[in-house]
Amino acid sequence: MATTVYFATNRIVNHPADWHGSYTFGMVSPDNPLQVTYGTAFVDSAGLTADKTGAINSIQDLQKGGFSPMAFNDLADGGRNILVFIHGFANSFEDAITRAAFNREWFADCGVPDADTAVVAFSWPSRGQVITPPFPTLAYRSDQKAAGNSGMHLMRFFANLMPILEKARSNGRRTFLLAHSMGNLALQGAVDAWFANGNGDALLFDEAILAAPDIVDSAFMAPAALTSLSRLARRISILYSNGDKVLDILSENLNGTKRLGQDGPRGRDDIALFPEATYRMVDCGGFTDYVADFQGSHQYYRRSEGVRTALAALMAP
């Protein structure tokens, strides 16, 4: 059985129907969102596990610049809640799509009705290279630049998604965002671009979940862009872990600043900054039900069943 993943990508795509190497780590022009590729991927769900990426079977319904009418109607009137997924660093296009499929299937089977969603992935142009000791900084810095430069594309993706989300919500559905690792850097850029381009408050998401965010820990302090995320999401949950070796050993040292995914946001106990009605802090450092090696410690959002259960609970009304 195949899992459906609707997607958009600002990667340069050579042959859209051929996903083997055609979805590059080059980026389309930030000034031309009509170059962004939208489509629908079908993933072999039988091969999906927390540690394996599975396989794409086919890619269909391709077009540039926005969702096709078929994808629009499938999402808006499909009868399921909607999960938007933004991957982290070291993810190829295939990684991003198959991990979106894994998230969809696990949540669908977790016993939380609201977590049974249709999934939409945004794939920014990560190089897809695994980062292991000794640390080659080229791949990390390349991904960081790509994520940081994807804000305008991600903002236009949100704008194209908004009428879908509004129609789905009018049909009684709920909408979620899950951003992992460096995907939160792209998210930060999109929030900044949203308001810088004259857009107003909009209820895009009922719940925005930021997992192991690889951005500075002051990202929710003015004038940083994520202070405005609460104008686009009803509730925000931040997953962090002091056992995240990638953030502790690699990211903090390269960036010279504490990361949001290490101990949560700076000032997290200040209820004036983080009112409980809007923000939830989820400490994932105590979960031991997964292999927390260098790479694995940063992937707890999908490798730890306990974290996934906690994450699904966040999606309950």
C-alpha atoms as a PDB file:
ATOM      1  CA  MET A   1       0.000   0.000   0.000  1.00  0.00           C
ATOM      2  CA  ALA A   2       1.277   3.462  -0.883  1.00  0.00           C
ATOM      3  CA  THR A   3       1.247   6.570   1.290  1.00  0.00           C
ATOM      4  CA  THR A   4       0.331   9.845  -0.396  1.00  0.00           C
ATOM      5  CA  VAL A   5       2.598  12.833   0.264  1.00  0.00           C
ATOM      6  CA  TYR A   6       1.667  16.170  -1.265  1.00  0.00           C
ATOM      7  CA  PHE A   7       4.745  18.346  -1.603  1.00  0.00           C
ATOM      8  CA  ALA A   8       6.384  21.544  -2.724  1.00  0.00           C
ATOM      9  CA  THR A   9      10.094  22.072  -3.215  1.00  0.00           C
ATOM     10  CA  ASN A  10      12.281  25.045  -4.038  1.00  0.00           C
ATOM     11  CA  ARG A  11      15.028  22.724  -5.241  1.00  0.00           C
ATOM     12  CA  ILE A  12      16.105  23.020  -8.867  1.00  0.00           C
ATOM     13  CA  VAL A  13      14.422  20.017 -10.484  1.00  0.00           C
ATOM     14  CA  ASN A  14      15.781  18.639 -13.748  1.00  0.00           C
ATOM     15  CA  HIS A  15      13.206  15.946 -14.479  1.00  0.00           C
ATOM     16  CA  PRO A  16      10.249  16.273 -12.093  1.00  0.00           C
ATOM     17  CA  ALA A  17       8.839  12.761 -12.594  1.00  0.00           C
ATOM     18  CA  ASP A  18      12.267  11.173 -11.959  1.00  0.00           C
ATOM     19  CA  TRP A  19      13.253  11.584  -8.316  1.00  0.00           C
ATOM     20  CA  HIS A  20      16.603   9.762  -8.589  1.00  0.00           C
ATOM     21  CA  GLY A  21      19.049  12.660  -8.549  1.00  0.00           C
ATOM     22  CA  SER A  22      16.778  15.074 -10.420  1.00  0.00           C
ATOM     23  CA  TYR A  23      15.791  16.980  -7.268  1.00  0.00           C
ATOM     24  CA  THR A  24      19.087  18.772  -6.699  1.00  0.00           C
ATOM     25  CA  PHE A  25      20.455  20.847  -3.818  1.00  0.00           C
ATOM     26  CA  GLY A  26      20.416  23.908  -6.066  1.00  0.00           C
ATOM     27  CA  MET A  27      17.756  26.523  -5.290  1.00  0.00           C
ATOM     28  CA  VAL A  28      15.362  28.238  -7.675  1.00  0.00           C
ATOM     29  CA  SER A  29      15.396  32.026  -7.793  1.00  0.00           C
ATOM     30  CA  PRO A  30      14.061  33.645  -4.605  1.00  0.00           C
ATOM     31  CA  ASP A  31      12.462  36.298  -6.840  1.00  0.00           C
ATOM     32  CA  ASN A  32      10.404  33.811  -8.840  1.00  0.00           C
ATOM     33  CA  PRO A  33       8.143  31.581  -6.720  1.00  0.00           C
ATOM     34  CA  LEU A  34       6.584  30.254  -9.935  1.00  0.00           C
ATOM     35  CA  GLN A  35       9.701  28.088 -10.276  1.00  0.00           C
ATOM     36  CA  VAL A  36       8.792  26.132  -7.130  1.00  0.00           C
ATOM     37  CA  THR A  37       7.679  22.590  -8.004  1.00  0.00           C
ATOM     38  CA  TYR A  38       4.454  21.162  -6.556  1.00  0.00           C
ATOM     39  CA  GLY A  39       3.369  17.551  -6.885  1.00  0.00           C
ATOM     40  CA  THR A  40       2.128  14.362  -5.281  1.00  0.00           C
ATOM     41  CA  ALA A  41       4.439  11.495  -4.306  1.00  0.00           C
ATOM     42  CA  PHE A  42       3.431   7.933  -3.532  1.00  0.00           C
ATOM     43  CA  VAL A  43       5.634   6.130  -1.028  1.00  0.00           C
ATOM     44  CA  ASP A  44       5.892   2.401  -0.343  1.00  0.00           C
ATOM     45  CA  SER A  45       4.528   2.361   3.198  1.00  0.00           C
ATOM     46  CA  ALA A  46       5.599  -1.257   3.752  1.00  0.00           C
ATOM     47  CA  GLY A  47       9.247  -0.132   3.998  1.00  0.00           C
ATOM     48  CA  LEU A  48       8.729   2.730   6.411  1.00  0.00           C
ATOM     49  CA  THR A  49      10.342   2.577   9.844  1.00  0.00           C
ATOM     50  CA  ALA A  50      11.758   5.168  12.215  1.00  0.00           C
ATOM     51  CA  ASP A  51      15.291   4.301  11.080  1.00  0.00           C
ATOM     52  CA  LYS A  52      14.762   3.572   7.378  1.00  0.00           C
ATOM     53  CA  THR A  53      13.525   6.021   4.800  1.00  0.00           C
ATOM     54  CA  GLY A  54      11.373   3.745   2.619  1.00  0.00           C
ATOM     55  CA  ALA A  55      11.031   4.308  -1.113  1.00  0.00           C
ATOM     56  CA  ILE A  56       9.131   6.577  -3.469  1.00  0.00           C
ATOM     57  CA  ASN A  57       7.055   4.624  -5.996  1.00  0.00           C
ATOM     58  CA  SER A  58       6.004   7.470  -8.275  1.00  0.00           C
ATOM     59  CA  ILE A  59       5.545  11.223  -8.532  1.00  0.00           C
ATOM     60  CA  GLN A  60       2.487  12.626 -10.272  1.00  0.00           C
ATOM     61  CA  ASP A  61       0.292  15.701 -10.652  1.00  0.00           C
ATOM     62  CA  LEU A  62       3.279  17.997 -11.158  1.00  0.00           C
ATOM     63  CA  GLN A  63       3.103  21.710 -11.809  1.00  0.00           C
ATOM     64  CA  LYS A  64       4.967  24.914 -11.077  1.00  0.00           C
ATOM     65  CA  GLY A  65       4.004  27.706  -8.721  1.00  0.00           C
ATOM     66  CA  GLY A  66       1.118  26.211  -6.782  1.00  0.00           C
ATOM     67  CA  PHE A  67      -1.066  23.258  -5.942  1.00  0.00           C
ATOM     68  CA  SER A  68      -2.981  21.579  -8.741  1.00  0.00           C
ATOM     69  CA  PRO A  69      -6.804  21.631  -8.563  1.00  0.00           C
ATOM     70  CA  MET A  70      -6.706  17.907  -7.749  1.00  0.00           C
ATOM     71  CA  ALA A  71      -4.331  18.390  -4.810  1.00  0.00           C
ATOM     72  CA  PHE A  72      -6.303  21.409  -3.611  1.00  0.00           C
ATOM     73  CA  ASN A  73      -9.558  19.450  -3.546  1.00  0.00           C
ATOM     74  CA  ASP A  74      -7.983  16.321  -2.051  1.00  0.00           C
ATOM     75  CA  LEU A  75      -6.584  18.303   0.858  1.00  0.00           C
ATOM     76  CA  ALA A  76      -9.421  20.763   1.413  1.00  0.00           C
ATOM     77  CA  ASP A  77     -12.245  18.227   1.122  1.00  0.00           C
ATOM     78  CA  GLY A  78     -10.445  14.989   1.919  1.00  0.00           C
ATOM     79  CA  GLY A  79     -11.954  14.488   5.369  1.00  0.00           C
ATOM     80  CA  ARG A  80      -8.669  14.415   7.278  1.00  0.00           C
ATOM     81  CA  ASN A  81      -6.772  16.927   9.337  1.00  0.00           C
ATOM     82  CA  ILE A  82      -3.664  18.293   7.620  1.00  0.00           C
ATOM     83  CA  LEU A  83      -0.024  17.957   8.732  1.00  0.00           C
ATOM     84  CA  VAL A  84       2.602  20.207   7.135  1.00  0.00           C
ATOM     85  CA  PHE A  85       6.152  18.865   7.523  1.00  0.00           C
ATOM     86  CA  ILE A  86       9.429  20.771   7.085  1.00  0.00           C
ATOM     87  CA  HIS A  87      12.521  18.554   7.298  1.00  0.00           C
ATOM     88  CA  GLY A  88      15.880  19.290   8.889  1.00  0.00           C
ATOM     89  CA  PHE A  89      19.444  19.247   7.590  1.00  0.00           C
ATOM     90  CA  ALA A  90      21.134  16.292   5.874  1.00  0.00           C
ATOM     91  CA  ASN A  91      17.875  15.302   4.154  1.00  0.00           C
ATOM     92  CA  SER A  92      17.758  14.566   0.448  1.00  0.00           C
ATOM     93  CA  PHE A  93      14.473  15.102  -1.364  1.00  0.00           C
ATOM     94  CA  GLU A  94      13.735  11.376  -1.035  1.00  0.00           C
ATOM     95  CA  ASP A  95      14.522  11.503   2.694  1.00  0.00           C
ATOM     96  CA  ALA A  96      12.138  14.422   3.159  1.00  0.00           C
ATOM     97  CA  ILE A  97       9.268  12.757   1.306  1.00  0.00           C
ATOM     98  CA  THR A  98       9.627   9.308   2.855  1.00  0.00           C
ATOM     99  CA  ARG A  99       9.985  10.705   6.383  1.00  0.00           C
ATOM    100  CA  ALA A 100       6.834  12.740   5.814  1.00  0.00           C
ATOM    101  CA  ALA A 101       5.163   9.455   4.845  1.00  0.00           C
ATOM    102  CA  PHE A 102       6.493   7.740   7.970  1.00  0.00           C
ATOM    103  CA  ASN A 103       5.133  10.546  10.155  1.00  0.00           C
ATOM    104  CA  ARG A 104       1.725  10.264   8.507  1.00  0.00           C
ATOM    105  CA  GLU A 105       1.488   6.494   8.920  1.00  0.00           C
ATOM    106  CA  TRP A 106       2.713   6.406  12.507  1.00  0.00           C
ATOM    107  CA  PHE A 107       0.371   9.159  13.630  1.00  0.00           C
ATOM    108  CA  ALA A 108      -2.531   7.496  11.813  1.00  0.00           C
ATOM    109  CA  ASP A 109      -1.982   4.325  13.860  1.00  0.00           C
ATOM    110  CA  CYS A 110      -1.205   5.942  17.205  1.00  0.00           C
ATOM    111  CA  GLY A 111      -4.749   5.944  18.582  1.00  0.00           C
ATOM    112  CA  VAL A 112      -5.214   9.735  18.591  1.00  0.00           C
ATOM    113  CA  PRO A 113      -7.980  10.416  16.040  1.00  0.00           C
ATOM    114  CA  ASP A 114      -6.851  13.962  15.290  1.00  0.00           C
ATOM    115  CA  ALA A 115      -3.362  12.713  14.406  1.00  0.00           C
ATOM    116  CA  ASP A 116      -4.699  10.791  11.385  1.00  0.00           C
ATOM    117  CA  THR A 117      -3.778  13.396   8.776  1.00  0.00           C
ATOM    118  CA  ALA A 118      -3.076  14.087   5.158  1.00  0.00           C
ATOM    119  CA  VAL A 119       0.559  15.185   4.918  1.00  0.00           C
ATOM    120  CA  VAL A 120       2.117  18.020   2.926  1.00  0.00           C
ATOM    121  CA  ALA A 121       5.919  18.313   2.843  1.00  0.00           C
ATOM    122  CA  PHE A 122       8.047  21.317   1.964  1.00  0.00           C
ATOM    123  CA  SER A 123      11.537  20.249   0.881  1.00  0.00           C
ATOM    124  CA  TRP A 124      14.205  22.929   0.903  1.00  0.00           C
ATOM    125  CA  PRO A 125      17.512  22.134  -0.856  1.00  0.00           C
ATOM    126  CA  SER A 126      19.559  20.322   1.755  1.00  0.00           C
ATOM    127  CA  ARG A 127      22.596  18.511   0.335  1.00  0.00           C
ATOM    128  CA  GLY A 128      21.401  15.323   2.026  1.00  0.00           C
ATOM    129  CA  GLN A 129      24.859  14.502   3.356  1.00  0.00           C
ATOM    130  CA  VAL A 130      25.105  12.816   6.745  1.00  0.00           C
ATOM    131  CA  ILE A 131      27.191  14.802   9.205  1.00  0.00           C
ATOM    132  CA  THR A 132      29.341  12.613  11.472  1.00  0.00           C
ATOM    133  CA  PRO A 133      32.568  13.117  13.406  1.00  0.00           C
ATOM    134  CA  PRO A 134      35.102  14.373  12.420  1.00  0.00           C
ATOM    135  CA  PHE A 135      32.865  17.245  11.446  1.00  0.00           C
ATOM    136  CA  PRO A 136      32.944  18.381   7.815  1.00  0.00           C
ATOM    137  CA  THR A 137      31.496  21.867   8.096  1.00  0.00           C
ATOM    138  CA  LEU A 138      30.819  22.255   4.357  1.00  0.00           C
ATOM    139  CA  ALA A 139      27.610  20.211   4.394  1.00  0.00           C
ATOM    140  CA  TYR A 140      26.332  21.888   7.553  1.00  0.00           C
ATOM    141  CA  ARG A 141      27.090  25.420   6.364  1.00  0.00           C
ATOM    142  CA  SER A 142      25.628  24.690   2.922  1.00  0.00           C
ATOM    143  CA  ASP A 143      22.404  23.417   4.464  1.00  0.00           C
ATOM    144  CA  GLN A 144      22.246  26.329   6.884  1.00  0.00           C
ATOM    145  CA  LYS A 145      22.546  28.799   4.019  1.00  0.00           C
ATOM    146  CA  ALA A 146      19.921  26.957   1.973  1.00  0.00           C
ATOM    147  CA  ALA A 147      17.455  26.834   4.859  1.00  0.00           C
ATOM    148  CA  GLY A 148      18.033  30.495   5.649  1.00  0.00           C
ATOM    149  CA  ASN A 149      17.476  31.473   2.012  1.00  0.00           C
ATOM    150  CA  SER A 150      14.241  29.473   1.727  1.00  0.00           C
ATOM    151  CA  GLY A 151      12.107  31.845   3.779  1.00  0.00           C
ATOM    152  CA  MET A 152      10.499  33.632   0.824  1.00  0.00           C
ATOM    153  CA  HIS A 153       9.671  30.361  -0.940  1.00  0.00           C
ATOM    154  CA  LEU A 154       8.230  28.865   2.233  1.00  0.00           C
ATOM    155  CA  MET A 155       6.170  32.012   2.804  1.00  0.00           C
ATOM    156  CA  ARG A 156       4.653  31.719  -0.688  1.00  0.00           C
ATOM    157  CA  PHE A 157       4.009  28.030  -0.014  1.00  0.00           C
ATOM    158  CA  PHE A 158       2.090  29.049   3.134  1.00  0.00           C
ATOM    159  CA  ALA A 159       0.158  31.626   1.087  1.00  0.00           C
ATOM    160  CA  ASN A 160      -0.789  28.943  -1.458  1.00  0.00           C
ATOM    161  CA  LEU A 161      -1.702  26.595   1.355  1.00  0.00           C
ATOM    162  CA  MET A 162      -3.868  29.103   3.233  1.00  0.00           C
ATOM    163  CA  PRO A 163      -7.090  28.731   1.179  1.00  0.00           C
ATOM    164  CA  ILE A 164      -6.751  24.954   1.470  1.00  0.00           C
ATOM    165  CA  LEU A 165      -6.393  25.187   5.236  1.00  0.00           C
ATOM    166  CA  GLU A 166      -9.284  27.633   5.492  1.00  0.00           C
ATOM    167  CA  LYS A 167     -11.597  25.372   3.514  1.00  0.00           C
ATOM    168  CA  ALA A 168     -10.502  22.305   5.481  1.00  0.00           C
ATOM    169  CA  ARG A 169     -11.165  24.182   8.718  1.00  0.00           C
ATOM    170  CA  SER A 170     -14.626  25.185   7.484  1.00  0.00           C
ATOM    171  CA  ASN A 171     -15.230  21.442   7.063  1.00  0.00           C
ATOM    172  CA  GLY A 172     -14.354  20.879  10.731  1.00  0.00           C
ATOM    173  CA  ARG A 173     -10.735  19.862  10.186  1.00  0.00           C
ATOM    174  CA  ARG A 174      -7.627  20.966  12.080  1.00  0.00           C
ATOM    175  CA  THR A 175      -4.158  21.841  10.800  1.00  0.00           C
ATOM    176  CA  PHE A 176      -0.699  21.124  12.187  1.00  0.00           C
ATOM    177  CA  LEU A 177       2.880  22.139  11.443  1.00  0.00           C
ATOM    178  CA  LEU A 178       5.891  19.966  12.295  1.00  0.00           C
ATOM    179  CA  ALA A 179       9.293  21.573  11.672  1.00  0.00           C
ATOM    180  CA  HIS A 180      12.442  19.637  12.524  1.00  0.00           C
ATOM    181  CA  SER A 181      15.982  20.881  13.154  1.00  0.00           C
ATOM    182  CA  MET A 182      17.157  23.387  10.532  1.00  0.00           C
ATOM    183  CA  GLY A 183      13.690  23.421   9.012  1.00  0.00           C
ATOM    184  CA  ASN A 184      12.960  25.881  11.805  1.00  0.00           C
ATOM    185  CA  LEU A 185      15.451  28.284  10.227  1.00  0.00           C
ATOM    186  CA  ALA A 186      13.411  28.214   7.018  1.00  0.00           C
ATOM    187  CA  LEU A 187      10.277  28.670   9.139  1.00  0.00           C
ATOM    188  CA  GLN A 188      11.807  31.694  10.867  1.00  0.00           C
ATOM    189  CA  GLY A 189      12.530  33.238   7.466  1.00  0.00           C
ATOM    190  CA  ALA A 190       8.993  32.516   6.269  1.00  0.00           C
ATOM    191  CA  VAL A 191       7.409  34.175   9.302  1.00  0.00           C
ATOM    192  CA  ASP A 192       9.625  37.217   8.801  1.00  0.00           C
ATOM    193  CA  ALA A 193       8.767  37.367   5.076  1.00  0.00           C
ATOM    194  CA  TRP A 194       5.045  36.902   5.759  1.00  0.00           C
ATOM    195  CA  PHE A 195       4.725  40.099   7.743  1.00  0.00           C
ATOM    196  CA  ALA A 196       7.439  42.026   5.869  1.00  0.00           C
ATOM    197  CA  ASN A 197       5.382  41.553   2.698  1.00  0.00           C
ATOM    198  CA  GLY A 198       2.268  43.090   4.189  1.00  0.00           C
ATOM    199  CA  ASN A 199       0.383  39.953   5.181  1.00  0.00           C
ATOM    200  CA  GLY A 200      -1.659  40.153   8.341  1.00  0.00           C
ATOM    201  CA  ASP A 201      -2.509  37.710  11.115  1.00  0.00           C
ATOM    202  CA  ALA A 202      -3.800  34.375   9.840  1.00  0.00           C
ATOM    203  CA  LEU A 203      -4.756  31.145  11.548  1.00  0.00           C
ATOM    204  CA  LEU A 204      -2.659  28.799   9.448  1.00  0.00           C
ATOM    205  CA  PHE A 205      -2.106  26.180  12.141  1.00  0.00           C
ATOM    206  CA  ASP A 206      -3.939  24.987  15.210  1.00  0.00           C
ATOM    207  CA  GLU A 207      -0.632  23.614  16.502  1.00  0.00           C
ATOM    208  CA  ALA A 208       2.934  24.393  15.425  1.00  0.00           C
ATOM    209  CA  ILE A 209       5.426  21.822  16.716  1.00  0.00           C
ATOM    210  CA  LEU A 210       9.113  22.765  16.617  1.00  0.00           C
ATOM    211  CA  ALA A 211      11.224  19.641  17.108  1.00  0.00           C
ATOM    212  CA  ALA A 212      14.953  19.888  17.978  1.00  0.00           C
ATOM    213  CA  PRO A 213      15.086  23.371  16.429  1.00  0.00           C
ATOM    214  CA  ASP A 214      18.557  24.285  15.191  1.00  0.00           C
ATOM    215  CA  ILE A 215      18.200  28.035  15.583  1.00  0.00           C
ATOM    216  CA  VAL A 216      19.418  30.448  18.240  1.00  0.00           C
ATOM    217  CA  ASP A 217      17.707  30.062  21.618  1.00  0.00           C
ATOM    218  CA  SER A 218      16.649  33.735  21.570  1.00  0.00           C
ATOM    219  CA  ALA A 219      14.475  33.166  18.489  1.00  0.00           C
ATOM    220  CA  PHE A 220      11.330  33.987  20.498  1.00  0.00           C
ATOM    221  CA  MET A 221      12.660  37.264  21.885  1.00  0.00           C
ATOM    222  CA  ALA A 222      11.907  40.531  20.067  1.00  0.00           C
ATOM    223  CA  PRO A 223      12.848  41.514  17.428  1.00  0.00           C
ATOM    224  CA  ALA A 224      13.478  37.908  16.275  1.00  0.00           C
ATOM    225  CA  ALA A 225      10.949  36.702  13.707  1.00  0.00           C
ATOM    226  CA  LEU A 226       9.509  33.752  15.634  1.00  0.00           C
ATOM    227  CA  THR A 227       7.967  36.136  18.147  1.00  0.00           C
ATOM    228  CA  SER A 228       5.308  36.553  15.429  1.00  0.00           C
ATOM    229  CA  LEU A 229       4.671  32.830  14.940  1.00  0.00           C
ATOM    230  CA  SER A 230       1.830  33.077  17.474  1.00  0.00           C
ATOM    231  CA  ARG A 231       0.061  35.313  14.937  1.00  0.00           C
ATOM    232  CA  LEU A 232      -0.043  32.355  12.529  1.00  0.00           C
ATOM    233  CA  ALA A 233      -0.525  29.438  14.945  1.00  0.00           C
ATOM    234  CA  ARG A 234      -3.005  29.100  17.783  1.00  0.00           C
ATOM    235  CA  ARG A 235      -0.537  27.103  19.899  1.00  0.00           C
ATOM    236  CA  ILE A 236       3.206  26.448  19.742  1.00  0.00           C
ATOM    237  CA  SER A 237       5.022  23.446  21.217  1.00  0.00           C
ATOM    238  CA  ILE A 238       8.823  23.392  21.453  1.00  0.00           C
ATOM    239  CA  LEU A 239      10.583  20.017  21.783  1.00  0.00           C
ATOM    240  CA  TYR A 240      14.104  20.145  23.187  1.00  0.00           C
ATOM    241  CA  SER A 241      16.684  17.783  24.666  1.00  0.00           C
ATOM    242  CA  ASN A 242      19.907  18.369  26.602  1.00  0.00           C
ATOM    243  CA  GLY A 243      21.087  15.041  25.168  1.00  0.00           C
ATOM    244  CA  ASP A 244      21.022  16.290  21.572  1.00  0.00           C
ATOM    245  CA  LYS A 245      24.654  15.698  20.604  1.00  0.00           C
ATOM    246  CA  VAL A 246      24.338  17.331  17.170  1.00  0.00           C
ATOM    247  CA  LEU A 247      23.256  20.617  18.725  1.00  0.00           C
ATOM    248  CA  ASP A 248      25.636  20.373  21.698  1.00  0.00           C
ATOM    249  CA  ILE A 249      28.791  19.291  19.887  1.00  0.00           C
ATOM    250  CA  LEU A 250      28.357  20.563  16.347  1.00  0.00           C
ATOM    251  CA  SER A 251      25.829  23.358  16.025  1.00  0.00           C
ATOM    252  CA  GLU A 252      26.561  25.382  19.156  1.00  0.00           C
ATOM    253  CA  ASN A 253      30.296  25.304  18.462  1.00  0.00           C
ATOM    254  CA  LEU A 254      29.919  26.282  14.809  1.00  0.00           C
ATOM    255  CA  ASN A 255      27.446  29.065  15.529  1.00  0.00           C
ATOM    256  CA  GLY A 256      28.847  30.274  18.832  1.00  0.00           C
ATOM    257  CA  THR A 257      25.366  30.448  20.359  1.00  0.00           C
ATOM    258  CA  LYS A 258      23.050  28.189  22.352  1.00  0.00           C
ATOM    259  CA  ARG A 259      20.440  26.495  20.196  1.00  0.00           C
ATOM    260  CA  LEU A 260      16.678  26.514  20.773  1.00  0.00           C
ATOM    261  CA  GLY A 261      16.577  22.710  20.730  1.00  0.00           C
ATOM    262  CA  GLN A 262      19.061  22.273  23.594  1.00  0.00           C
ATOM    263  CA  ASP A 263      17.197  23.681  26.599  1.00  0.00           C
ATOM    264  CA  GLY A 264      14.242  25.383  25.002  1.00  0.00           C
ATOM    265  CA  PRO A 265      13.881  29.114  24.436  1.00  0.00           C
ATOM    266  CA  ARG A 266      15.771  31.663  26.458  1.00  0.00           C
ATOM    267  CA  GLY A 267      13.525  32.768  29.326  1.00  0.00           C
ATOM    268  CA  ARG A 268      11.226  29.786  28.896  1.00  0.00           C
ATOM    269  CA  ASP A 269       9.951  30.027  32.499  1.00  0.00           C
ATOM    270  CA  ASP A 270       8.767  33.607  32.017  1.00  0.00           C
ATOM    271  CA  ILE A 271       4.988  33.294  31.639  1.00  0.00           C
ATOM    272  CA  ALA A 272       4.783  36.849  30.342  1.00  0.00           C
ATOM    273  CA  LEU A 273       6.977  35.827  27.387  1.00  0.00           C
ATOM    274  CA  PHE A 274       5.513  32.343  27.087  1.00  0.00           C
ATOM    275  CA  PRO A 275       1.896  32.254  28.319  1.00  0.00           C
ATOM    276  CA  GLU A 276       0.742  28.691  28.917  1.00  0.00           C
ATOM    277  CA  ALA A 277      -2.317  29.164  26.736  1.00  0.00           C
ATOM    278  CA  THR A 278      -0.043  29.609  23.704  1.00  0.00           C
ATOM    279  CA  TYR A 279       3.256  27.861  24.447  1.00  0.00           C
ATOM    280  CA  ARG A 280       4.104  24.352  25.580  1.00  0.00           C
ATOM    281  CA  MET A 281       7.630  23.283  26.492  1.00  0.00           C
ATOM    282  CA  VAL A 282       8.349  19.579  25.971  1.00  0.00           C
ATOM    283  CA  ASP A 283      11.577  18.303  27.530  1.00  0.00           C
ATOM    284  CA  CYS A 284      12.565  15.174  25.593  1.00  0.00           C
ATOM    285  CA  GLY A 285      15.893  14.652  27.371  1.00  0.00           C
ATOM    286  CA  GLY A 286      14.590  11.856  29.573  1.00  0.00           C
ATOM    287  CA  PHE A 287      13.532   9.459  26.806  1.00  0.00           C
ATOM    288  CA  THR A 288      15.809   6.425  26.521  1.00  0.00           C
ATOM    289  CA  ASP A 289      13.811   4.191  24.165  1.00  0.00           C
ATOM    290  CA  TYR A 290      15.970   4.815  21.094  1.00  0.00           C
ATOM    291  CA  VAL A 291      19.619   4.730  20.046  1.00  0.00           C
ATOM    292  CA  ALA A 292      20.902   8.160  21.033  1.00  0.00           C
ATOM    293  CA  ASP A 293      24.173   8.101  19.112  1.00  0.00           C
ATOM    294  CA  PHE A 294      25.480  11.260  17.457  1.00  0.00           C
ATOM    295  CA  GLN A 295      22.927  11.372  14.639  1.00  0.00           C
ATOM    296  CA  GLY A 296      20.173   9.548  16.507  1.00  0.00           C
ATOM    297  CA  SER A 297      20.180  11.957  19.425  1.00  0.00           C
ATOM    298  CA  HIS A 298      18.961  14.694  17.060  1.00  0.00           C
ATOM    299  CA  GLN A 299      16.256  12.488  15.526  1.00  0.00           C
ATOM    300  CA  TYR A 300      14.289  11.660  18.670  1.00  0.00           C
ATOM    301  CA  TYR A 301      11.095  13.145  17.232  1.00  0.00           C
ATOM    302  CA  ARG A 302      10.820  10.084  14.959  1.00  0.00           C
ATOM    303  CA  ARG A 303      13.110   7.462  16.557  1.00  0.00           C
ATOM    304  CA  SER A 304      11.696   7.513  20.091  1.00  0.00           C
ATOM    305  CA  GLU A 305       8.260   5.952  20.364  1.00  0.00           C
ATOM    306  CA  GLY A 306       7.797   7.788  23.660  1.00  0.00           C
ATOM    307  CA  VAL A 307       8.466  11.151  22.015  1.00  0.00           C
ATOM    308  CA  ARG A 308       6.199  10.279  19.103  1.00  0.00           C
ATOM    309  CA  THR A 309       3.441   9.408  21.577  1.00  0.00           C
ATOM    310  CA  ALA A 310       3.954  12.737  23.337  1.00  0.00           C
ATOM    311  CA  LEU A 311       3.944  14.505  19.995  1.00  0.00           C
ATOM    312  CA  ALA A 312       0.685  12.839  18.959  1.00  0.00           C
ATOM    313  CA  ALA A 313      -0.859  13.906  22.254  1.00  0.00           C
ATOM    314  CA  LEU A 314      -0.074  17.513  21.317  1.00  0.00           C
ATOM    315  CA  MET A 315      -2.352  17.056  18.305  1.00  0.00           C
ATOM    316  CA  ALA A 316      -5.373  16.169  20.433  1.00  0.00           C
ATOM    317  CA  PRO A 317      -7.946  18.998  20.800  1.00  0.00           C
END
